[in-house]
């Protein structure tokens, strides 16, 4: 599968260990993570080589082409919200699911739209540690996982 990973780039990068766990697990199951470059410590410098319009156009192409979106939504990020909303807004036609993940310890400081999302194409998961997060990814994305 081609996975679009949505995560905070310019905001609080405190969830980076969780994002790295997600990517590591997805790739270990043979999936292509279109946005794996977001894990780089110098991501802002790398992305600055593109204009804002180029980033938008590239990311929308990836959002349209991916098989699923995995969003780590523990940080404050308008970009993650846009990406999730974009895909869910067209999910009835595209069939693309969204996996919306967040750290339960941050539940009181994230948008209530995240844990409250009831869209049928959205799977929400609040994780308490990296082991629980890894188990969730394995359950949903291992080759034998239900599709």
N, C-alpha and C. Protein backbone atom coordinates (compact mmCIF):
# COMPACT_ATOMS: atom_id res chain seq x y z
N UNK A 1 0.83 -1.19 0.00
CA UNK A 1 0.00 0.00 0.00
C UNK A 1 0.87 1.25 0.00
N UNK A 2 0.33 2.29 -0.57
CA UNK A 2 0.97 3.61 -0.49
C UNK A 2 0.26 4.38 0.62
N UNK A 3 1.05 4.75 1.62
CA UNK A 3 0.51 5.41 2.81
C UNK A 3 0.97 6.86 2.83
N UNK A 4 0.02 7.76 3.04
CA UNK A 4 0.34 9.16 3.27
C UNK A 4 0.34 9.34 4.78
N UNK A 5 1.51 9.61 5.33
CA UNK A 5 1.63 9.86 6.76
C UNK A 5 1.51 11.36 7.00
N UNK A 6 0.54 11.74 7.80
CA UNK A 6 0.35 13.15 8.16
C UNK A 6 0.86 13.33 9.58
N UNK A 7 1.72 14.33 9.76
CA UNK A 7 2.25 14.64 11.09
C UNK A 7 2.69 16.10 11.12
N UNK A 8 2.91 16.59 12.31
CA UNK A 8 3.33 17.98 12.48
C UNK A 8 4.74 18.18 11.95
N UNK A 9 4.92 19.19 11.11
CA UNK A 9 6.24 19.53 10.58
C UNK A 9 6.75 20.81 11.23
N UNK A 10 5.94 21.83 11.26
CA UNK A 10 6.37 23.12 11.79
C UNK A 10 5.97 23.36 13.24
N UNK A 11 5.07 22.57 13.74
CA UNK A 11 4.62 22.74 15.12
C UNK A 11 5.49 21.94 16.08
N UNK A 12 4.89 21.56 17.19
CA UNK A 12 5.57 20.77 18.21
C UNK A 12 5.90 19.39 17.65
N UNK A 13 7.18 19.08 17.60
CA UNK A 13 7.64 17.79 17.05
C UNK A 13 7.82 16.75 18.16
N UNK A 14 7.15 16.95 19.29
CA UNK A 14 7.27 16.04 20.42
C UNK A 14 6.80 14.62 20.12
N UNK A 15 5.95 14.46 19.12
CA UNK A 15 5.44 13.12 18.78
C UNK A 15 6.36 12.40 17.79
N UNK A 16 7.51 12.97 17.50
CA UNK A 16 8.41 12.36 16.52
C UNK A 16 8.77 10.90 16.84
N UNK A 17 9.02 10.53 18.10
CA UNK A 17 9.28 9.10 18.36
C UNK A 17 8.10 8.22 17.94
N UNK A 18 6.88 8.68 18.17
CA UNK A 18 5.70 7.91 17.75
C UNK A 18 5.62 7.84 16.23
N UNK A 19 5.90 8.94 15.57
CA UNK A 19 5.85 8.97 14.11
C UNK A 19 6.91 8.03 13.53
N UNK A 20 8.07 8.02 14.13
CA UNK A 20 9.13 7.10 13.67
C UNK A 20 8.72 5.64 13.88
N UNK A 21 8.03 5.36 14.97
CA UNK A 21 7.53 4.01 15.21
C UNK A 21 6.51 3.63 14.15
N UNK A 22 5.62 4.54 13.82
CA UNK A 22 4.61 4.28 12.79
C UNK A 22 5.28 3.95 11.46
N UNK A 23 6.21 4.78 11.04
CA UNK A 23 6.88 4.57 9.75
C UNK A 23 7.67 3.27 9.76
N UNK A 24 8.37 3.01 10.83
CA UNK A 24 9.16 1.78 10.92
C UNK A 24 8.26 0.55 10.78
N UNK A 25 7.14 0.56 11.46
CA UNK A 25 6.21 -0.58 11.39
C UNK A 25 5.59 -0.70 10.00
N UNK A 26 5.15 0.42 9.44
CA UNK A 26 4.54 0.37 8.11
C UNK A 26 5.52 -0.17 7.08
N UNK A 27 6.75 0.34 7.11
CA UNK A 27 7.76 -0.12 6.14
C UNK A 27 8.13 -1.58 6.38
N UNK A 28 8.14 -2.03 7.64
CA UNK A 28 8.47 -3.43 7.92
C UNK A 28 7.41 -4.37 7.35
N UNK A 29 6.20 -3.84 7.14
CA UNK A 29 5.12 -4.64 6.54
C UNK A 29 5.07 -4.46 5.02
N UNK A 30 6.06 -3.78 4.45
CA UNK A 30 6.17 -3.65 3.01
C UNK A 30 5.43 -2.48 2.40
N UNK A 31 4.94 -1.57 3.21
CA UNK A 31 4.21 -0.42 2.68
C UNK A 31 5.16 0.71 2.32
N UNK A 32 4.76 1.49 1.33
CA UNK A 32 5.51 2.68 0.93
C UNK A 32 4.91 3.88 1.65
N UNK A 33 5.75 4.60 2.40
CA UNK A 33 5.29 5.80 3.10
C UNK A 33 5.74 6.99 2.27
N UNK A 34 4.77 7.61 1.61
CA UNK A 34 5.07 8.69 0.68
C UNK A 34 5.73 9.88 1.34
N UNK A 35 5.46 10.09 2.59
CA UNK A 35 5.96 11.28 3.29
C UNK A 35 7.01 10.94 4.35
N UNK A 36 7.74 9.85 4.17
CA UNK A 36 8.74 9.43 5.15
C UNK A 36 9.82 10.49 5.37
N UNK A 37 10.02 11.36 4.39
CA UNK A 37 11.03 12.41 4.53
C UNK A 37 10.70 13.37 5.68
N UNK A 38 9.46 13.37 6.15
CA UNK A 38 9.07 14.26 7.25
C UNK A 38 9.73 13.88 8.57
N UNK A 39 10.34 12.71 8.63
CA UNK A 39 11.03 12.27 9.84
C UNK A 39 12.41 12.91 9.99
N UNK A 40 12.91 13.48 8.92
CA UNK A 40 14.25 14.04 8.95
C UNK A 40 14.32 15.20 9.95
N UNK A 41 15.43 15.28 10.64
CA UNK A 41 15.63 16.40 11.57
C UNK A 41 15.73 17.73 10.84
N UNK A 42 16.17 17.68 9.57
CA UNK A 42 16.31 18.90 8.78
C UNK A 42 15.15 19.07 7.79
N UNK A 43 13.97 18.55 8.13
CA UNK A 43 12.83 18.56 7.20
C UNK A 43 12.47 19.97 6.75
N UNK A 44 12.55 20.93 7.64
CA UNK A 44 12.19 22.31 7.27
C UNK A 44 13.15 22.84 6.21
N UNK A 45 14.43 22.55 6.36
CA UNK A 45 15.43 22.97 5.37
C UNK A 45 15.19 22.27 4.03
N UNK A 46 14.92 20.98 4.07
CA UNK A 46 14.68 20.22 2.84
C UNK A 46 13.42 20.74 2.14
N UNK A 47 12.36 20.95 2.89
CA UNK A 47 11.10 21.41 2.31
C UNK A 47 11.21 22.85 1.80
N UNK A 48 12.11 23.63 2.36
CA UNK A 48 12.23 25.03 1.94
C UNK A 48 12.78 25.16 0.52
N UNK A 49 13.25 24.07 -0.05
CA UNK A 49 13.72 24.09 -1.44
C UNK A 49 12.55 24.20 -2.42
N UNK A 50 11.35 23.92 -1.91
CA UNK A 50 10.14 24.00 -2.72
C UNK A 50 9.34 25.24 -2.34
N UNK A 51 8.61 25.78 -3.29
CA UNK A 51 7.72 26.88 -2.95
C UNK A 51 6.52 26.31 -2.20
N UNK A 52 5.77 27.17 -1.54
CA UNK A 52 4.57 26.71 -0.85
C UNK A 52 3.59 26.08 -1.83
N UNK A 53 3.47 26.65 -3.02
CA UNK A 53 2.57 26.09 -4.03
C UNK A 53 3.04 24.70 -4.47
N UNK A 54 4.34 24.51 -4.60
CA UNK A 54 4.87 23.21 -4.98
C UNK A 54 4.59 22.16 -3.90
N UNK A 55 4.74 22.54 -2.63
CA UNK A 55 4.43 21.62 -1.53
C UNK A 55 2.96 21.24 -1.57
N UNK A 56 2.09 22.24 -1.73
CA UNK A 56 0.65 21.98 -1.79
C UNK A 56 0.31 21.03 -2.94
N UNK A 57 0.80 21.33 -4.13
CA UNK A 57 0.48 20.51 -5.31
C UNK A 57 1.02 19.09 -5.17
N UNK A 58 2.22 18.95 -4.65
CA UNK A 58 2.81 17.61 -4.45
C UNK A 58 1.99 16.83 -3.43
N UNK A 59 1.68 17.48 -2.31
CA UNK A 59 0.97 16.77 -1.24
C UNK A 59 -0.45 16.40 -1.66
N UNK A 60 -1.13 17.26 -2.39
CA UNK A 60 -2.47 16.91 -2.86
C UNK A 60 -2.39 15.75 -3.85
N UNK A 61 -1.37 15.72 -4.70
CA UNK A 61 -1.20 14.56 -5.60
C UNK A 61 -1.01 13.29 -4.79
N UNK A 62 -0.18 13.37 -3.75
CA UNK A 62 0.03 12.19 -2.89
C UNK A 62 -1.25 11.80 -2.17
N UNK A 63 -2.00 12.79 -1.68
CA UNK A 63 -3.26 12.48 -1.00
C UNK A 63 -4.25 11.80 -1.95
N UNK A 64 -4.26 12.21 -3.19
CA UNK A 64 -5.15 11.59 -4.17
C UNK A 64 -4.68 10.20 -4.57
N UNK A 65 -3.38 9.96 -4.54
CA UNK A 65 -2.81 8.70 -5.01
C UNK A 65 -2.65 7.64 -3.92
N UNK A 66 -2.71 8.02 -2.67
CA UNK A 66 -2.43 7.06 -1.61
C UNK A 66 -3.59 6.10 -1.42
N UNK A 67 -3.29 4.97 -0.79
CA UNK A 67 -4.30 3.98 -0.47
C UNK A 67 -4.94 4.24 0.89
N UNK A 68 -4.21 4.93 1.76
CA UNK A 68 -4.71 5.24 3.10
C UNK A 68 -3.90 6.41 3.67
N UNK A 69 -4.50 7.11 4.62
CA UNK A 69 -3.81 8.16 5.36
C UNK A 69 -3.67 7.69 6.80
N UNK A 70 -2.47 7.80 7.33
CA UNK A 70 -2.22 7.58 8.74
C UNK A 70 -1.80 8.94 9.29
N UNK A 71 -2.58 9.46 10.23
CA UNK A 71 -2.33 10.79 10.77
C UNK A 71 -2.00 10.70 12.25
N UNK A 72 -0.81 11.18 12.63
CA UNK A 72 -0.46 11.31 14.04
C UNK A 72 -0.88 12.72 14.42
N UNK A 73 -1.91 12.83 15.23
CA UNK A 73 -2.56 14.12 15.48
C UNK A 73 -2.41 14.61 16.92
N UNK A 74 -1.31 14.25 17.57
CA UNK A 74 -1.10 14.68 18.96
C UNK A 74 -0.62 16.12 19.07
N UNK A 75 -0.07 16.66 18.00
CA UNK A 75 0.43 18.03 18.03
C UNK A 75 -0.58 18.97 17.41
N UNK A 76 -0.34 20.23 17.58
CA UNK A 76 -1.21 21.24 16.97
C UNK A 76 -0.72 21.49 15.56
N UNK A 77 -1.54 21.12 14.55
CA UNK A 77 -1.11 21.28 13.18
C UNK A 77 -2.31 21.50 12.27
N UNK A 78 -2.34 22.66 11.65
CA UNK A 78 -3.39 22.93 10.66
C UNK A 78 -3.21 22.02 9.45
N UNK A 79 -1.96 21.69 9.11
CA UNK A 79 -1.70 20.84 7.96
C UNK A 79 -2.30 19.46 8.13
N UNK A 80 -2.12 18.85 9.30
CA UNK A 80 -2.68 17.52 9.55
C UNK A 80 -4.21 17.59 9.45
N UNK A 81 -4.80 18.62 10.03
CA UNK A 81 -6.25 18.78 9.94
C UNK A 81 -6.72 18.92 8.51
N UNK A 82 -5.98 19.69 7.71
CA UNK A 82 -6.33 19.85 6.30
C UNK A 82 -6.26 18.52 5.58
N UNK A 83 -5.17 17.78 5.80
CA UNK A 83 -4.96 16.51 5.09
C UNK A 83 -6.06 15.50 5.43
N UNK A 84 -6.37 15.40 6.72
CA UNK A 84 -7.43 14.47 7.15
C UNK A 84 -8.77 14.90 6.57
N UNK A 85 -9.09 16.18 6.66
CA UNK A 85 -10.36 16.68 6.13
C UNK A 85 -10.46 16.51 4.62
N UNK A 86 -9.37 16.74 3.93
CA UNK A 86 -9.34 16.59 2.47
C UNK A 86 -9.70 15.16 2.08
N UNK A 87 -9.05 14.20 2.73
CA UNK A 87 -9.29 12.80 2.36
C UNK A 87 -10.68 12.36 2.80
N UNK A 88 -11.10 12.70 4.01
CA UNK A 88 -12.43 12.29 4.45
C UNK A 88 -13.53 12.94 3.61
N UNK A 89 -13.28 14.15 3.13
CA UNK A 89 -14.26 14.83 2.30
C UNK A 89 -14.51 14.16 0.97
N UNK A 90 -13.55 13.37 0.52
CA UNK A 90 -13.72 12.68 -0.76
C UNK A 90 -13.69 11.16 -0.61
N UNK A 91 -13.72 10.68 0.63
CA UNK A 91 -13.59 9.25 0.90
C UNK A 91 -14.75 8.42 0.35
N UNK A 92 -15.94 8.99 0.28
CA UNK A 92 -17.07 8.23 -0.27
C UNK A 92 -16.80 7.83 -1.71
N UNK A 93 -16.11 8.69 -2.45
CA UNK A 93 -15.77 8.37 -3.85
C UNK A 93 -14.45 7.62 -3.96
N UNK A 94 -13.46 8.00 -3.16
CA UNK A 94 -12.13 7.42 -3.31
C UNK A 94 -11.97 6.09 -2.57
N UNK A 95 -12.75 5.89 -1.52
CA UNK A 95 -12.60 4.69 -0.71
C UNK A 95 -11.41 4.70 0.21
N UNK A 96 -10.73 5.84 0.32
CA UNK A 96 -9.53 5.93 1.14
C UNK A 96 -9.89 6.03 2.62
N UNK A 97 -9.34 5.14 3.44
CA UNK A 97 -9.56 5.26 4.88
C UNK A 97 -8.53 6.20 5.52
N UNK A 98 -8.89 6.70 6.68
CA UNK A 98 -7.99 7.52 7.49
C UNK A 98 -7.83 6.83 8.84
N UNK A 99 -6.61 6.72 9.29
CA UNK A 99 -6.30 6.20 10.61
C UNK A 99 -5.78 7.37 11.42
N UNK A 100 -6.57 7.81 12.38
CA UNK A 100 -6.31 9.02 13.15
C UNK A 100 -5.80 8.62 14.52
N UNK A 101 -4.52 8.86 14.76
CA UNK A 101 -3.84 8.40 15.97
C UNK A 101 -3.46 9.58 16.85
N UNK A 102 -3.56 9.38 18.17
CA UNK A 102 -3.17 10.46 19.08
C UNK A 102 -2.75 9.87 20.42
N UNK A 103 -1.90 10.57 21.09
CA UNK A 103 -1.41 10.21 22.41
C UNK A 103 -2.49 10.54 23.43
N UNK A 104 -2.98 9.54 24.17
CA UNK A 104 -4.07 9.78 25.12
C UNK A 104 -3.67 10.76 26.22
N UNK A 105 -2.39 10.87 26.51
CA UNK A 105 -1.95 11.83 27.53
C UNK A 105 -2.14 13.27 27.07
N UNK A 106 -2.30 13.48 25.76
CA UNK A 106 -2.49 14.82 25.20
C UNK A 106 -3.96 15.10 24.87
N UNK A 107 -4.83 14.18 25.20
CA UNK A 107 -6.25 14.31 24.83
C UNK A 107 -6.85 15.64 25.27
N UNK A 108 -6.47 16.14 26.42
CA UNK A 108 -6.99 17.40 26.92
C UNK A 108 -6.48 18.63 26.19
N UNK A 109 -5.45 18.46 25.36
CA UNK A 109 -4.89 19.63 24.67
C UNK A 109 -4.99 19.53 23.15
N UNK A 110 -5.60 18.47 22.64
CA UNK A 110 -5.80 18.37 21.19
C UNK A 110 -7.25 18.75 20.86
N UNK A 111 -7.49 19.01 19.60
CA UNK A 111 -8.85 19.35 19.17
C UNK A 111 -9.80 18.21 19.51
N UNK A 112 -10.98 18.54 19.98
CA UNK A 112 -11.99 17.54 20.29
C UNK A 112 -12.51 16.85 19.03
N UNK A 113 -12.19 17.43 17.88
CA UNK A 113 -12.57 16.80 16.61
C UNK A 113 -11.80 15.49 16.38
N UNK A 114 -10.67 15.35 17.02
CA UNK A 114 -9.85 14.15 16.81
C UNK A 114 -10.47 12.95 17.52
N UNK A 115 -10.58 12.95 18.86
CA UNK A 115 -11.20 11.77 19.49
C UNK A 115 -12.69 11.66 19.21
N UNK A 116 -13.33 12.75 18.82
CA UNK A 116 -14.76 12.73 18.55
C UNK A 116 -15.14 12.38 17.13
N UNK A 117 -14.17 12.18 16.25
CA UNK A 117 -14.47 11.91 14.83
C UNK A 117 -15.26 10.61 14.70
N UNK A 118 -16.45 10.70 14.11
CA UNK A 118 -17.30 9.52 13.94
C UNK A 118 -17.47 9.14 12.47
N UNK A 119 -16.68 9.73 11.59
CA UNK A 119 -16.78 9.41 10.17
C UNK A 119 -16.53 7.91 9.98
N UNK A 120 -17.36 7.27 9.17
CA UNK A 120 -17.25 5.82 8.98
C UNK A 120 -15.95 5.40 8.29
N UNK A 121 -15.28 6.32 7.60
CA UNK A 121 -14.01 6.02 6.93
C UNK A 121 -12.81 6.32 7.82
N UNK A 122 -13.07 6.70 9.07
CA UNK A 122 -11.99 7.08 9.98
C UNK A 122 -11.90 6.10 11.14
N UNK A 123 -10.71 5.56 11.34
CA UNK A 123 -10.43 4.70 12.48
C UNK A 123 -9.61 5.53 13.46
N UNK A 124 -10.15 5.78 14.64
CA UNK A 124 -9.45 6.54 15.68
C UNK A 124 -8.76 5.58 16.64
N UNK A 125 -7.59 6.01 17.11
CA UNK A 125 -6.91 5.20 18.12
C UNK A 125 -6.09 6.10 19.02
N UNK A 126 -6.40 6.08 20.29
CA UNK A 126 -5.61 6.78 21.30
C UNK A 126 -4.62 5.79 21.90
N UNK A 127 -3.36 6.09 21.76
CA UNK A 127 -2.33 5.17 22.27
C UNK A 127 -1.73 5.72 23.56
N UNK A 128 -1.31 4.79 24.42
CA UNK A 128 -0.73 5.19 25.70
C UNK A 128 0.79 5.06 25.71
N UNK A 129 1.33 4.29 24.77
CA UNK A 129 2.78 4.13 24.67
C UNK A 129 3.11 3.58 23.28
N UNK A 130 4.41 3.52 22.99
CA UNK A 130 4.84 3.08 21.66
C UNK A 130 4.50 1.62 21.39
N UNK A 131 4.47 0.80 22.44
CA UNK A 131 4.11 -0.61 22.25
C UNK A 131 2.67 -0.73 21.78
N UNK A 132 1.77 0.02 22.38
CA UNK A 132 0.35 -0.01 21.98
C UNK A 132 0.20 0.52 20.55
N UNK A 133 0.95 1.58 20.24
CA UNK A 133 0.90 2.14 18.89
C UNK A 133 1.40 1.13 17.87
N UNK A 134 2.52 0.49 18.16
CA UNK A 134 3.07 -0.53 17.27
C UNK A 134 2.10 -1.69 17.07
N UNK A 135 1.46 -2.13 18.14
CA UNK A 135 0.49 -3.22 18.04
C UNK A 135 -0.69 -2.83 17.16
N UNK A 136 -1.15 -1.58 17.26
CA UNK A 136 -2.24 -1.09 16.42
C UNK A 136 -1.83 -1.13 14.94
N UNK A 137 -0.64 -0.63 14.64
CA UNK A 137 -0.16 -0.64 13.25
C UNK A 137 -0.06 -2.07 12.74
N UNK A 138 0.50 -2.96 13.55
CA UNK A 138 0.61 -4.36 13.15
C UNK A 138 -0.76 -4.96 12.88
N UNK A 139 -1.72 -4.68 13.74
CA UNK A 139 -3.06 -5.23 13.60
C UNK A 139 -3.74 -4.78 12.30
N UNK A 140 -3.52 -3.53 11.93
CA UNK A 140 -4.23 -2.97 10.78
C UNK A 140 -3.44 -3.00 9.47
N UNK A 141 -2.11 -3.16 9.55
CA UNK A 141 -1.31 -3.03 8.33
C UNK A 141 -0.39 -4.21 8.03
N UNK A 142 -0.36 -5.21 8.90
CA UNK A 142 0.42 -6.41 8.58
C UNK A 142 -0.20 -7.09 7.36
N UNK A 143 0.59 -7.78 6.56
CA UNK A 143 0.05 -8.39 5.34
C UNK A 143 -1.20 -9.26 5.59
N UNK A 144 -1.31 -9.85 6.75
CA UNK A 144 -2.47 -10.70 7.04
C UNK A 144 -3.63 -9.93 7.67
N UNK A 145 -3.43 -8.61 7.87
CA UNK A 145 -4.48 -7.79 8.48
C UNK A 145 -5.68 -7.69 7.55
N UNK A 146 -6.87 -7.60 8.14
CA UNK A 146 -8.06 -7.44 7.28
C UNK A 146 -7.97 -6.16 6.48
N UNK A 147 -8.32 -6.22 5.20
CA UNK A 147 -8.19 -5.08 4.33
C UNK A 147 -9.44 -4.36 4.19
